[in-house]
Amino acid sequence: MMTPSQLKAYSAVARLGSVKAAAAELDVSEAAVSLHVGQLRKELGDPLFTRTGSGLAFTPGGLRLASRSVELLGLRDRTIQEVKQAGRGRRLLRLGASGLFAEYAAPGLIEAFTQRAADLDVELSTDGSGRFETLLVTRSLDVVIAPRDQLGGRDVQSNHFLNYEVITVAAPRHPAVSSPPSVRLLREQPWLLGPSAMERGGTVTEMLRRLGVPEQRQRIFQSHAAAIEEAKRGHGVALTVRFAVTEDLENGALARVEGPLLSGRGGWSIATLVGDRAPSSAAELCRFVATPRATRAMLQRRGAGVGRFRPAVHVTLWS
């Protein structure tokens, strides 16, 4: 009888293309993955795949099992979740988001959305690896919000809903504020950064790359807010979404550092599995996120109510 552990191992091998990569992702030994695959081969009477010089070559049965394993694991997880929800009389929506959105816009969105449904809780996860499609396909998440260039694929449908601008800020008396700084001066400054600086792709990492900021000049904090507080104290320059520091710029706590490479634009999109494979609450959020009410809630940065919002992390940015 096929077990969830066997299906997880095989699904990871099929998706990543190697036993070694699958073992690393599952945090088990290669021998354990090979054992699970061997048990499936014996039970199904199919070699499933063979190793070639250019990678793994799957049999027709192996390809069918790769597809079915994702569906079976997803159905199992969904069933467990639905049973627990039924016992509590509540629904749970698992939302994944990139770092900037999770910190600055997600709490307001979650609060506005859950006000519409008294039986709905939202679990928010952050992921800096860019594996959003994988997390959706494996049913680890129900819906994700990320930079639009990180979403796509035949199994995922996505819609753009909000643009944002990342700017460079510092304390008003910082040397970089008085006049447009040279690239050399900028590279010599401490750069005070939130977790988004460690994410693959995205506006922040692209700006750092364009400026050529040395890694030894980059200081990563556990939150973007912590990095901004250090910038207010005059300890360096920081990158942040513009709407998050509007009040600080107006009251003089921060000043914008001007320059051709010191701002960048991006856009957030929301994505779910195609068709009817996503839960109804995910489809509801996809419709709601583009409404004026949702936009106001995100830009005003209202917090989410206690009991309606559960933070969780699938892949820590500090690993």
C-alpha atoms as a PDB file:
ATOM      1  CA  MET A   1       0.000   0.000   0.000  1.00  0.00           C
ATOM      2  CA  MET A   2       1.397   3.372  -1.008  1.00  0.00           C
ATOM      3  CA  THR A   3       2.161   5.643   1.940  1.00  0.00           C
ATOM      4  CA  PRO A   4       2.309   9.440   2.108  1.00  0.00           C
ATOM      5  CA  SER A   5       6.057   9.252   2.799  1.00  0.00           C
ATOM      6  CA  GLN A   6       6.606   7.227  -0.364  1.00  0.00           C
ATOM      7  CA  LEU A   7       4.526   9.614  -2.451  1.00  0.00           C
ATOM      8  CA  LYS A   8       6.276  12.684  -1.016  1.00  0.00           C
ATOM      9  CA  ALA A   9       9.672  11.208  -1.833  1.00  0.00           C
ATOM     10  CA  TYR A  10       8.710  10.232  -5.363  1.00  0.00           C
ATOM     11  CA  SER A  11       6.952  13.534  -6.040  1.00  0.00           C
ATOM     12  CA  ALA A  12      10.080  15.433  -4.967  1.00  0.00           C
ATOM     13  CA  VAL A  13      12.314  13.260  -7.182  1.00  0.00           C
ATOM     14  CA  ALA A  14      10.033  13.814 -10.181  1.00  0.00           C
ATOM     15  CA  ARG A  15       9.830  17.574  -9.613  1.00  0.00           C
ATOM     16  CA  LEU A  16      13.504  18.198  -8.834  1.00  0.00           C
ATOM     17  CA  GLY A  17      15.012  15.630 -11.178  1.00  0.00           C
ATOM     18  CA  SER A  18      17.313  13.870  -8.720  1.00  0.00           C
ATOM     19  CA  VAL A  19      17.303  11.772  -5.571  1.00  0.00           C
ATOM     20  CA  LYS A  20      19.937  14.025  -4.010  1.00  0.00           C
ATOM     21  CA  ALA A  21      17.883  17.184  -4.499  1.00  0.00           C
ATOM     22  CA  ALA A  22      14.750  15.458  -3.221  1.00  0.00           C
ATOM     23  CA  ALA A  23      16.565  14.292  -0.080  1.00  0.00           C
ATOM     24  CA  ALA A  24      17.854  17.805   0.578  1.00  0.00           C
ATOM     25  CA  GLU A  25      14.389  19.358   0.226  1.00  0.00           C
ATOM     26  CA  LEU A  26      12.750  16.723   2.443  1.00  0.00           C
ATOM     27  CA  ASP A  27      15.620  16.884   4.955  1.00  0.00           C
ATOM     28  CA  VAL A  28      16.180  13.115   4.863  1.00  0.00           C
ATOM     29  CA  SER A  29      18.998  10.914   3.618  1.00  0.00           C
ATOM     30  CA  GLU A  30      19.351   9.873  -0.016  1.00  0.00           C
ATOM     31  CA  ALA A  31      19.072   6.266   1.161  1.00  0.00           C
ATOM     32  CA  ALA A  32      15.637   7.003   2.643  1.00  0.00           C
ATOM     33  CA  VAL A  33      14.411   8.510  -0.637  1.00  0.00           C
ATOM     34  CA  SER A  34      15.802   5.568  -2.626  1.00  0.00           C
ATOM     35  CA  LEU A  35      14.087   3.135  -0.232  1.00  0.00           C
ATOM     36  CA  HIS A  36      10.707   4.814  -0.736  1.00  0.00           C
ATOM     37  CA  VAL A  37      11.137   4.796  -4.517  1.00  0.00           C
ATOM     38  CA  GLY A  38      12.184   1.136  -4.441  1.00  0.00           C
ATOM     39  CA  GLN A  39       9.078   0.203  -2.453  1.00  0.00           C
ATOM     40  CA  LEU A  40       6.874   1.970  -5.019  1.00  0.00           C
ATOM     41  CA  ARG A  41       8.626   0.184  -7.872  1.00  0.00           C
ATOM     42  CA  LYS A  42       8.045  -3.184  -6.218  1.00  0.00           C
ATOM     43  CA  GLU A  43       4.398  -2.512  -5.391  1.00  0.00           C
ATOM     44  CA  LEU A  44       3.508  -1.078  -8.809  1.00  0.00           C
ATOM     45  CA  GLY A  45       5.684  -3.413 -10.890  1.00  0.00           C
ATOM     46  CA  ASP A  46       7.135  -0.463 -12.824  1.00  0.00           C
ATOM     47  CA  PRO A  47      10.716   0.907 -12.817  1.00  0.00           C
ATOM     48  CA  LEU A  48       9.189   4.433 -12.863  1.00  0.00           C
ATOM     49  CA  PHE A  49      12.438   6.025 -14.119  1.00  0.00           C
ATOM     50  CA  THR A  50      15.998   5.255 -15.119  1.00  0.00           C
ATOM     51  CA  ARG A  51      19.145   7.329 -14.777  1.00  0.00           C
ATOM     52  CA  THR A  52      20.745   8.636 -17.974  1.00  0.00           C
ATOM     53  CA  GLY A  53      23.680  10.907 -18.727  1.00  0.00           C
ATOM     54  CA  SER A  54      21.325  13.863 -19.056  1.00  0.00           C
ATOM     55  CA  GLY A  55      19.186  13.135 -15.995  1.00  0.00           C
ATOM     56  CA  LEU A  56      16.226  10.941 -15.122  1.00  0.00           C
ATOM     57  CA  ALA A  57      14.130   9.329 -17.865  1.00  0.00           C
ATOM     58  CA  PHE A  58      10.622   8.485 -16.669  1.00  0.00           C
ATOM     59  CA  THR A  59       8.478   5.640 -17.917  1.00  0.00           C
ATOM     60  CA  PRO A  60       4.851   6.381 -18.931  1.00  0.00           C
ATOM     61  CA  GLY A  61       3.786   4.876 -15.618  1.00  0.00           C
ATOM     62  CA  GLY A  62       6.343   6.988 -13.780  1.00  0.00           C
ATOM     63  CA  LEU A  63       4.975  10.166 -15.339  1.00  0.00           C
ATOM     64  CA  ARG A  64       1.429   9.176 -14.422  1.00  0.00           C
ATOM     65  CA  LEU A  65       2.490   8.502 -10.819  1.00  0.00           C
ATOM     66  CA  ALA A  66       4.257  11.873 -10.643  1.00  0.00           C
ATOM     67  CA  SER A  67       0.994  13.600 -11.528  1.00  0.00           C
ATOM     68  CA  ARG A  68      -1.159  11.422  -9.296  1.00  0.00           C
ATOM     69  CA  SER A  69       1.156  11.723  -6.294  1.00  0.00           C
ATOM     70  CA  VAL A  70       0.687  15.495  -6.210  1.00  0.00           C
ATOM     71  CA  GLU A  71      -3.084  15.078  -6.418  1.00  0.00           C
ATOM     72  CA  LEU A  72      -3.176  12.369  -3.753  1.00  0.00           C
ATOM     73  CA  LEU A  73      -1.001  14.297  -1.326  1.00  0.00           C
ATOM     74  CA  GLY A  74      -2.994  17.442  -1.935  1.00  0.00           C
ATOM     75  CA  LEU A  75      -6.277  15.583  -1.375  1.00  0.00           C
ATOM     76  CA  ARG A  76      -4.919  14.052   1.836  1.00  0.00           C
ATOM     77  CA  ASP A  77      -3.801  17.422   3.201  1.00  0.00           C
ATOM     78  CA  ARG A  78      -7.041  19.081   2.153  1.00  0.00           C
ATOM     79  CA  THR A  79      -9.078  16.329   3.811  1.00  0.00           C
ATOM     80  CA  ILE A  80      -7.161  16.651   7.078  1.00  0.00           C
ATOM     81  CA  GLN A  81      -7.639  20.404   6.971  1.00  0.00           C
ATOM     82  CA  GLU A  82     -11.357  20.178   6.216  1.00  0.00           C
ATOM     83  CA  VAL A  83     -11.961  17.667   9.000  1.00  0.00           C
ATOM     84  CA  LYS A  84     -10.209  19.926  11.505  1.00  0.00           C
ATOM     85  CA  GLN A  85     -12.141  22.930  10.232  1.00  0.00           C
ATOM     86  CA  ALA A  86     -15.423  21.105  10.476  1.00  0.00           C
ATOM     87  CA  GLY A  87     -14.665  20.236  14.078  1.00  0.00           C
ATOM     88  CA  ARG A  88     -13.997  23.889  14.878  1.00  0.00           C
ATOM     89  CA  GLY A  89     -16.772  25.255  12.714  1.00  0.00           C
ATOM     90  CA  ARG A  90     -14.243  27.408  10.860  1.00  0.00           C
ATOM     91  CA  ARG A  91     -12.419  27.629   7.541  1.00  0.00           C
ATOM     92  CA  LEU A  92      -8.687  28.221   7.114  1.00  0.00           C
ATOM     93  CA  LEU A  93      -7.085  29.988   4.162  1.00  0.00           C
ATOM     94  CA  ARG A  94      -3.319  29.473   3.774  1.00  0.00           C
ATOM     95  CA  LEU A  95      -1.816  32.574   2.189  1.00  0.00           C
ATOM     96  CA  GLY A  96       1.815  32.805   1.104  1.00  0.00           C
ATOM     97  CA  ALA A  97       3.479  36.137   0.365  1.00  0.00           C
ATOM     98  CA  SER A  98       6.826  37.714  -0.402  1.00  0.00           C
ATOM     99  CA  GLY A  99       8.549  39.613   2.406  1.00  0.00           C
ATOM    100  CA  LEU A 100       7.610  43.185   1.463  1.00  0.00           C
ATOM    101  CA  PHE A 101       3.952  42.361   0.977  1.00  0.00           C
ATOM    102  CA  ALA A 102       3.759  40.193   4.096  1.00  0.00           C
ATOM    103  CA  GLU A 103       5.055  42.970   6.335  1.00  0.00           C
ATOM    104  CA  TYR A 104       3.529  46.088   4.808  1.00  0.00           C
ATOM    105  CA  ALA A 105       0.290  45.150   3.026  1.00  0.00           C
ATOM    106  CA  ALA A 106      -0.877  41.714   4.160  1.00  0.00           C
ATOM    107  CA  PRO A 107      -2.183  42.599   7.664  1.00  0.00           C
ATOM    108  CA  GLY A 108      -4.525  45.269   6.323  1.00  0.00           C
ATOM    109  CA  LEU A 109      -5.722  42.994   3.533  1.00  0.00           C
ATOM    110  CA  ILE A 110      -6.340  40.098   5.922  1.00  0.00           C
ATOM    111  CA  GLU A 111      -8.326  42.263   8.323  1.00  0.00           C
ATOM    112  CA  ALA A 112     -10.526  43.709   5.576  1.00  0.00           C
ATOM    113  CA  PHE A 113     -11.072  40.296   3.988  1.00  0.00           C
ATOM    114  CA  THR A 114     -11.895  38.369   7.159  1.00  0.00           C
ATOM    115  CA  GLN A 115     -14.424  41.013   8.194  1.00  0.00           C
ATOM    116  CA  ARG A 116     -16.549  39.688   5.327  1.00  0.00           C
ATOM    117  CA  ALA A 117     -16.596  36.106   6.645  1.00  0.00           C
ATOM    118  CA  ALA A 118     -17.066  35.387  10.342  1.00  0.00           C
ATOM    119  CA  ASP A 119     -15.946  31.734   9.991  1.00  0.00           C
ATOM    120  CA  LEU A 120     -12.641  32.400   8.180  1.00  0.00           C
ATOM    121  CA  ASP A 121      -9.095  32.442   9.569  1.00  0.00           C
ATOM    122  CA  VAL A 122      -6.007  33.242   7.492  1.00  0.00           C
ATOM    123  CA  GLU A 123      -2.568  31.712   7.982  1.00  0.00           C
ATOM    124  CA  LEU A 124       0.177  33.873   6.481  1.00  0.00           C
ATOM    125  CA  SER A 125       3.476  32.320   5.383  1.00  0.00           C
ATOM    126  CA  THR A 126       6.535  33.982   3.879  1.00  0.00           C
ATOM    127  CA  ASP A 127       8.902  32.338   1.439  1.00  0.00           C
ATOM    128  CA  GLY A 128      12.077  33.837   0.055  1.00  0.00           C
ATOM    129  CA  SER A 129      13.007  31.068  -2.355  1.00  0.00           C
ATOM    130  CA  GLY A 130      10.625  31.971  -5.181  1.00  0.00           C
ATOM    131  CA  ARG A 131       9.033  28.487  -5.037  1.00  0.00           C
ATOM    132  CA  PHE A 132       5.512  29.868  -4.994  1.00  0.00           C
ATOM    133  CA  GLU A 133       4.223  27.718  -7.833  1.00  0.00           C
ATOM    134  CA  THR A 134       5.624  24.594  -6.170  1.00  0.00           C
ATOM    135  CA  LEU A 135       3.937  25.470  -2.876  1.00  0.00           C
ATOM    136  CA  LEU A 136       0.626  25.872  -4.702  1.00  0.00           C
ATOM    137  CA  VAL A 137       0.931  22.689  -6.769  1.00  0.00           C
ATOM    138  CA  THR A 138       1.860  20.619  -3.714  1.00  0.00           C
ATOM    139  CA  ARG A 139      -1.117  22.144  -1.853  1.00  0.00           C
ATOM    140  CA  SER A 140       1.154  23.600   0.839  1.00  0.00           C
ATOM    141  CA  LEU A 141      -0.591  26.924   0.180  1.00  0.00           C
ATOM    142  CA  ASP A 142      -4.022  27.871  -1.136  1.00  0.00           C
ATOM    143  CA  VAL A 143      -3.121  31.267  -2.597  1.00  0.00           C
ATOM    144  CA  VAL A 144       0.061  33.319  -2.976  1.00  0.00           C
ATOM    145  CA  ILE A 145       0.890  37.004  -3.447  1.00  0.00           C
ATOM    146  CA  ALA A 146       4.286  37.832  -4.919  1.00  0.00           C
ATOM    147  CA  PRO A 147       6.026  39.985  -7.538  1.00  0.00           C
ATOM    148  CA  ARG A 148       4.324  39.256 -10.822  1.00  0.00           C
ATOM    149  CA  ASP A 149       7.510  37.996 -12.502  1.00  0.00           C
ATOM    150  CA  GLN A 150       7.719  35.165  -9.948  1.00  0.00           C
ATOM    151  CA  LEU A 151       4.341  33.676 -10.821  1.00  0.00           C
ATOM    152  CA  GLY A 152       3.391  31.620 -13.849  1.00  0.00           C
ATOM    153  CA  GLY A 153       3.222  28.109 -15.232  1.00  0.00           C
ATOM    154  CA  ARG A 154       0.477  25.980 -16.672  1.00  0.00           C
ATOM    155  CA  ASP A 155      -0.907  24.900 -13.286  1.00  0.00           C
ATOM    156  CA  VAL A 156      -1.204  28.434 -11.917  1.00  0.00           C
ATOM    157  CA  GLN A 157      -3.433  31.369 -12.799  1.00  0.00           C
ATOM    158  CA  SER A 158      -2.364  34.810 -11.647  1.00  0.00           C
ATOM    159  CA  ASN A 159      -3.684  38.362 -11.799  1.00  0.00           C
ATOM    160  CA  HIS A 160      -1.823  41.622 -11.227  1.00  0.00           C
ATOM    161  CA  PHE A 161      -3.547  43.901  -8.718  1.00  0.00           C
ATOM    162  CA  LEU A 162      -1.182  46.517  -7.220  1.00  0.00           C
ATOM    163  CA  ASN A 163       1.932  48.472  -8.209  1.00  0.00           C
ATOM    164  CA  TYR A 164       4.488  49.685  -5.695  1.00  0.00           C
ATOM    165  CA  GLU A 165       7.653  51.795  -5.618  1.00  0.00           C
ATOM    166  CA  VAL A 166      10.788  51.019  -3.610  1.00  0.00           C
ATOM    167  CA  ILE A 167      12.775  54.107  -2.593  1.00  0.00           C
ATOM    168  CA  THR A 168      16.009  54.825  -0.726  1.00  0.00           C
ATOM    169  CA  VAL A 169      15.753  56.711   2.564  1.00  0.00           C
ATOM    170  CA  ALA A 170      18.067  57.941   5.316  1.00  0.00           C
ATOM    171  CA  ALA A 171      18.091  60.311   8.287  1.00  0.00           C
ATOM    172  CA  PRO A 172      17.704  63.973   7.186  1.00  0.00           C
ATOM    173  CA  ARG A 173      21.313  64.819   8.125  1.00  0.00           C
ATOM    174  CA  HIS A 174      22.851  61.851   6.370  1.00  0.00           C
ATOM    175  CA  PRO A 175      25.556  62.873   3.819  1.00  0.00           C
ATOM    176  CA  ALA A 176      23.691  61.142   0.989  1.00  0.00           C
ATOM    177  CA  VAL A 177      20.636  63.397   1.449  1.00  0.00           C
ATOM    178  CA  SER A 178      22.134  66.870   0.954  1.00  0.00           C
ATOM    179  CA  SER A 179      23.003  66.298  -2.720  1.00  0.00           C
ATOM    180  CA  PRO A 180      22.672  63.396  -5.186  1.00  0.00           C
ATOM    181  CA  PRO A 181      25.336  60.930  -3.995  1.00  0.00           C
ATOM    182  CA  SER A 182      27.867  59.264  -6.244  1.00  0.00           C
ATOM    183  CA  VAL A 183      27.723  55.513  -6.781  1.00  0.00           C
ATOM    184  CA  ARG A 184      31.045  55.259  -4.969  1.00  0.00           C
ATOM    185  CA  LEU A 185      29.645  57.012  -1.897  1.00  0.00           C
ATOM    186  CA  LEU A 186      26.597  54.783  -1.926  1.00  0.00           C
ATOM    187  CA  ARG A 187      28.673  51.609  -2.080  1.00  0.00           C
ATOM    188  CA  GLU A 188      30.584  52.776   0.995  1.00  0.00           C
ATOM    189  CA  GLN A 189      27.419  53.249   3.097  1.00  0.00           C
ATOM    190  CA  PRO A 190      25.904  50.661   5.431  1.00  0.00           C
ATOM    191  CA  TRP A 191      22.732  49.416   3.741  1.00  0.00           C
ATOM    192  CA  LEU A 192      20.031  48.642   6.277  1.00  0.00           C
ATOM    193  CA  LEU A 193      17.758  46.004   4.785  1.00  0.00           C
ATOM    194  CA  GLY A 194      14.778  43.829   5.642  1.00  0.00           C
ATOM    195  CA  PRO A 195      14.295  40.141   4.789  1.00  0.00           C
ATOM    196  CA  SER A 196      13.351  40.959   1.163  1.00  0.00           C
ATOM    197  CA  ALA A 197      17.051  41.575   0.456  1.00  0.00           C
ATOM    198  CA  MET A 198      17.573  37.818   0.781  1.00  0.00           C
ATOM    199  CA  GLU A 199      14.747  36.828  -1.548  1.00  0.00           C
ATOM    200  CA  ARG A 200      15.379  35.564  -5.041  1.00  0.00           C
ATOM    201  CA  GLY A 201      14.376  38.210  -7.550  1.00  0.00           C
ATOM    202  CA  GLY A 202      12.239  41.187  -6.626  1.00  0.00           C
ATOM    203  CA  THR A 203      12.773  44.930  -6.755  1.00  0.00           C
ATOM    204  CA  VAL A 204      15.039  45.212  -3.696  1.00  0.00           C
ATOM    205  CA  THR A 205      17.557  42.603  -4.816  1.00  0.00           C
ATOM    206  CA  GLU A 206      17.568  44.047  -8.331  1.00  0.00           C
ATOM    207  CA  MET A 207      18.318  47.551  -7.019  1.00  0.00           C
ATOM    208  CA  LEU A 208      21.183  46.255  -4.887  1.00  0.00           C
ATOM    209  CA  ARG A 209      22.561  44.415  -7.904  1.00  0.00           C
ATOM    210  CA  ARG A 210      22.366  47.499 -10.143  1.00  0.00           C
ATOM    211  CA  LEU A 211      24.123  49.626  -7.540  1.00  0.00           C
ATOM    212  CA  GLY A 212      26.780  46.999  -6.962  1.00  0.00           C
ATOM    213  CA  VAL A 213      26.478  47.223  -3.176  1.00  0.00           C
ATOM    214  CA  PRO A 214      29.101  44.896  -1.635  1.00  0.00           C
ATOM    215  CA  GLU A 215      27.719  42.151   0.590  1.00  0.00           C
ATOM    216  CA  GLN A 216      29.877  43.356   3.498  1.00  0.00           C
ATOM    217  CA  ARG A 217      27.978  46.664   3.366  1.00  0.00           C
ATOM    218  CA  GLN A 218      24.585  44.980   3.604  1.00  0.00           C
ATOM    219  CA  ARG A 219      23.044  44.569   7.060  1.00  0.00           C
ATOM    220  CA  ILE A 220      19.943  42.341   7.126  1.00  0.00           C
ATOM    221  CA  PHE A 221      17.355  42.813   9.882  1.00  0.00           C
ATOM    222  CA  GLN A 222      14.526  40.487  10.859  1.00  0.00           C
ATOM    223  CA  SER A 223      11.980  43.038   9.669  1.00  0.00           C
ATOM    224  CA  HIS A 224      11.903  46.000   7.325  1.00  0.00           C
ATOM    225  CA  ALA A 225      10.595  48.158  10.175  1.00  0.00           C
ATOM    226  CA  ALA A 226      13.723  47.416  12.230  1.00  0.00           C
ATOM    227  CA  ALA A 227      15.918  48.472   9.313  1.00  0.00           C
ATOM    228  CA  ILE A 228      13.980  51.729   8.940  1.00  0.00           C
ATOM    229  CA  GLU A 229      14.412  52.507  12.645  1.00  0.00           C
ATOM    230  CA  GLU A 230      18.187  52.136  12.259  1.00  0.00           C
ATOM    231  CA  ALA A 231      18.074  54.503   9.277  1.00  0.00           C
ATOM    232  CA  LYS A 232      16.234  57.085  11.392  1.00  0.00           C
ATOM    233  CA  ARG A 233      19.114  56.949  13.863  1.00  0.00           C
ATOM    234  CA  GLY A 234      21.556  57.879  11.097  1.00  0.00           C
ATOM    235  CA  HIS A 235      23.246  54.486  10.895  1.00  0.00           C
ATOM    236  CA  GLY A 236      22.969  54.100   7.113  1.00  0.00           C
ATOM    237  CA  VAL A 237      20.587  54.100   4.156  1.00  0.00           C
ATOM    238  CA  ALA A 238      17.570  51.826   3.729  1.00  0.00           C
ATOM    239  CA  LEU A 239      15.249  50.552   1.011  1.00  0.00           C
ATOM    240  CA  THR A 240      11.506  50.531   1.606  1.00  0.00           C
ATOM    241  CA  VAL A 241       8.178  50.735  -0.201  1.00  0.00           C
ATOM    242  CA  ARG A 242       7.216  54.376  -0.496  1.00  0.00           C
ATOM    243  CA  PHE A 243       3.714  54.139   0.984  1.00  0.00           C
ATOM    244  CA  ALA A 244       5.175  52.644   4.187  1.00  0.00           C
ATOM    245  CA  VAL A 245       7.180  55.769   5.053  1.00  0.00           C
ATOM    246  CA  THR A 246       4.864  58.559   3.902  1.00  0.00           C
ATOM    247  CA  GLU A 247       4.372  59.916   7.418  1.00  0.00           C
ATOM    248  CA  ASP A 248       8.084  59.676   8.249  1.00  0.00           C
ATOM    249  CA  LEU A 249       8.955  61.675   5.134  1.00  0.00           C
ATOM    250  CA  GLU A 250       6.314  64.295   5.905  1.00  0.00           C
ATOM    251  CA  ASN A 251       7.311  64.807   9.538  1.00  0.00           C
ATOM    252  CA  GLY A 252      11.055  64.838   8.830  1.00  0.00           C
ATOM    253  CA  ALA A 253      11.976  61.588  10.556  1.00  0.00           C
ATOM    254  CA  LEU A 254      13.344  60.361   7.220  1.00  0.00           C
ATOM    255  CA  ALA A 255      14.460  61.939   3.961  1.00  0.00           C
ATOM    256  CA  ARG A 256      14.527  60.465   0.505  1.00  0.00           C
ATOM    257  CA  VAL A 257      17.901  59.838  -1.125  1.00  0.00           C
ATOM    258  CA  GLU A 258      17.593  60.912  -4.749  1.00  0.00           C
ATOM    259  CA  GLY A 259      19.402  59.373  -7.697  1.00  0.00           C
ATOM    260  CA  PRO A 260      18.807  57.472 -10.954  1.00  0.00           C
ATOM    261  CA  LEU A 261      19.475  54.052  -9.405  1.00  0.00           C
ATOM    262  CA  LEU A 262      17.835  54.710  -6.042  1.00  0.00           C
ATOM    263  CA  SER A 263      14.245  53.808  -6.817  1.00  0.00           C
ATOM    264  CA  GLY A 264      12.534  50.899  -8.480  1.00  0.00           C
ATOM    265  CA  ARG A 265       9.042  49.859  -9.411  1.00  0.00           C
ATOM    266  CA  GLY A 266       7.349  46.521  -9.033  1.00  0.00           C
ATOM    267  CA  GLY A 267       3.943  44.921  -9.037  1.00  0.00           C
ATOM    268  CA  TRP A 268       2.207  42.326  -6.904  1.00  0.00           C
ATOM    269  CA  SER A 269       0.075  39.543  -8.343  1.00  0.00           C
ATOM    270  CA  ILE A 270      -2.169  36.974  -6.708  1.00  0.00           C
ATOM    271  CA  ALA A 271      -2.170  33.359  -7.846  1.00  0.00           C
ATOM    272  CA  THR A 272      -4.054  30.109  -7.255  1.00  0.00           C
ATOM    273  CA  LEU A 273      -4.256  26.748  -8.968  1.00  0.00           C
ATOM    274  CA  VAL A 274      -6.129  26.764 -12.260  1.00  0.00           C
ATOM    275  CA  GLY A 275      -9.757  25.764 -12.525  1.00  0.00           C
ATOM    276  CA  ASP A 276     -11.656  24.529  -9.501  1.00  0.00           C
ATOM    277  CA  ARG A 277      -8.605  23.045  -7.759  1.00  0.00           C
ATOM    278  CA  ALA A 278      -8.303  25.974  -5.349  1.00  0.00           C
ATOM    279  CA  PRO A 279     -10.631  26.331  -2.324  1.00  0.00           C
ATOM    280  CA  SER A 280     -13.523  28.757  -2.635  1.00  0.00           C
ATOM    281  CA  SER A 281     -11.982  31.116  -0.076  1.00  0.00           C
ATOM    282  CA  ALA A 282      -8.917  31.520  -2.323  1.00  0.00           C
ATOM    283  CA  ALA A 283     -11.132  32.474  -5.248  1.00  0.00           C
ATOM    284  CA  GLU A 284     -12.948  34.938  -3.001  1.00  0.00           C
ATOM    285  CA  LEU A 285      -9.659  36.588  -2.024  1.00  0.00           C
ATOM    286  CA  CYS A 286      -8.619  36.835  -5.688  1.00  0.00           C
ATOM    287  CA  ARG A 287     -11.779  38.795  -6.416  1.00  0.00           C
ATOM    288  CA  PHE A 288     -11.578  40.936  -3.280  1.00  0.00           C
ATOM    289  CA  VAL A 289      -7.920  41.969  -3.573  1.00  0.00           C
ATOM    290  CA  ALA A 290      -8.589  44.140  -6.628  1.00  0.00           C
ATOM    291  CA  THR A 291     -11.400  46.144  -5.009  1.00  0.00           C
ATOM    292  CA  PRO A 292     -10.976  49.754  -3.807  1.00  0.00           C
ATOM    293  CA  ARG A 293     -11.687  48.642  -0.235  1.00  0.00           C
ATOM    294  CA  ALA A 294      -8.825  46.148  -0.340  1.00  0.00           C
ATOM    295  CA  THR A 295      -6.444  48.709  -1.843  1.00  0.00           C
ATOM    296  CA  ARG A 296      -7.236  51.234   0.901  1.00  0.00           C
ATOM    297  CA  ALA A 297      -6.699  48.603   3.582  1.00  0.00           C
ATOM    298  CA  MET A 298      -3.307  47.606   2.169  1.00  0.00           C
ATOM    299  CA  LEU A 299      -2.003  51.145   1.686  1.00  0.00           C
ATOM    300  CA  GLN A 300      -3.271  52.352   5.067  1.00  0.00           C
ATOM    301  CA  ARG A 301      -1.435  49.427   6.683  1.00  0.00           C
ATOM    302  CA  ARG A 302      -4.130  48.520   9.173  1.00  0.00           C
ATOM    303  CA  GLY A 303      -3.259  45.566  11.391  1.00  0.00           C
ATOM    304  CA  ALA A 304      -5.164  42.301  11.462  1.00  0.00           C
ATOM    305  CA  GLY A 305      -7.349  41.410  14.434  1.00  0.00           C
ATOM    306  CA  VAL A 306      -6.169  38.889  17.007  1.00  0.00           C
ATOM    307  CA  GLY A 307      -7.602  35.445  16.360  1.00  0.00           C
ATOM    308  CA  ARG A 308      -8.208  35.987  12.656  1.00  0.00           C
ATOM    309  CA  PHE A 309      -4.571  35.924  11.595  1.00  0.00           C
ATOM    310  CA  ARG A 310      -1.955  33.237  12.239  1.00  0.00           C
ATOM    311  CA  PRO A 311       1.590  33.876  11.030  1.00  0.00           C
ATOM    312  CA  ALA A 312       3.570  30.866   9.810  1.00  0.00           C
ATOM    313  CA  VAL A 313       6.790  30.364   7.913  1.00  0.00           C
ATOM    314  CA  HIS A 314       7.306  27.617   5.320  1.00  0.00           C
ATOM    315  CA  VAL A 315      10.857  28.566   4.446  1.00  0.00           C
ATOM    316  CA  THR A 316      12.660  30.825   6.867  1.00  0.00           C
ATOM    317  CA  LEU A 317      14.692  33.649   5.399  1.00  0.00           C
ATOM    318  CA  TRP A 318      17.413  32.975   7.962  1.00  0.00           C
ATOM    319  CA  SER A 319      18.186  29.379   7.029  1.00  0.00           C
END
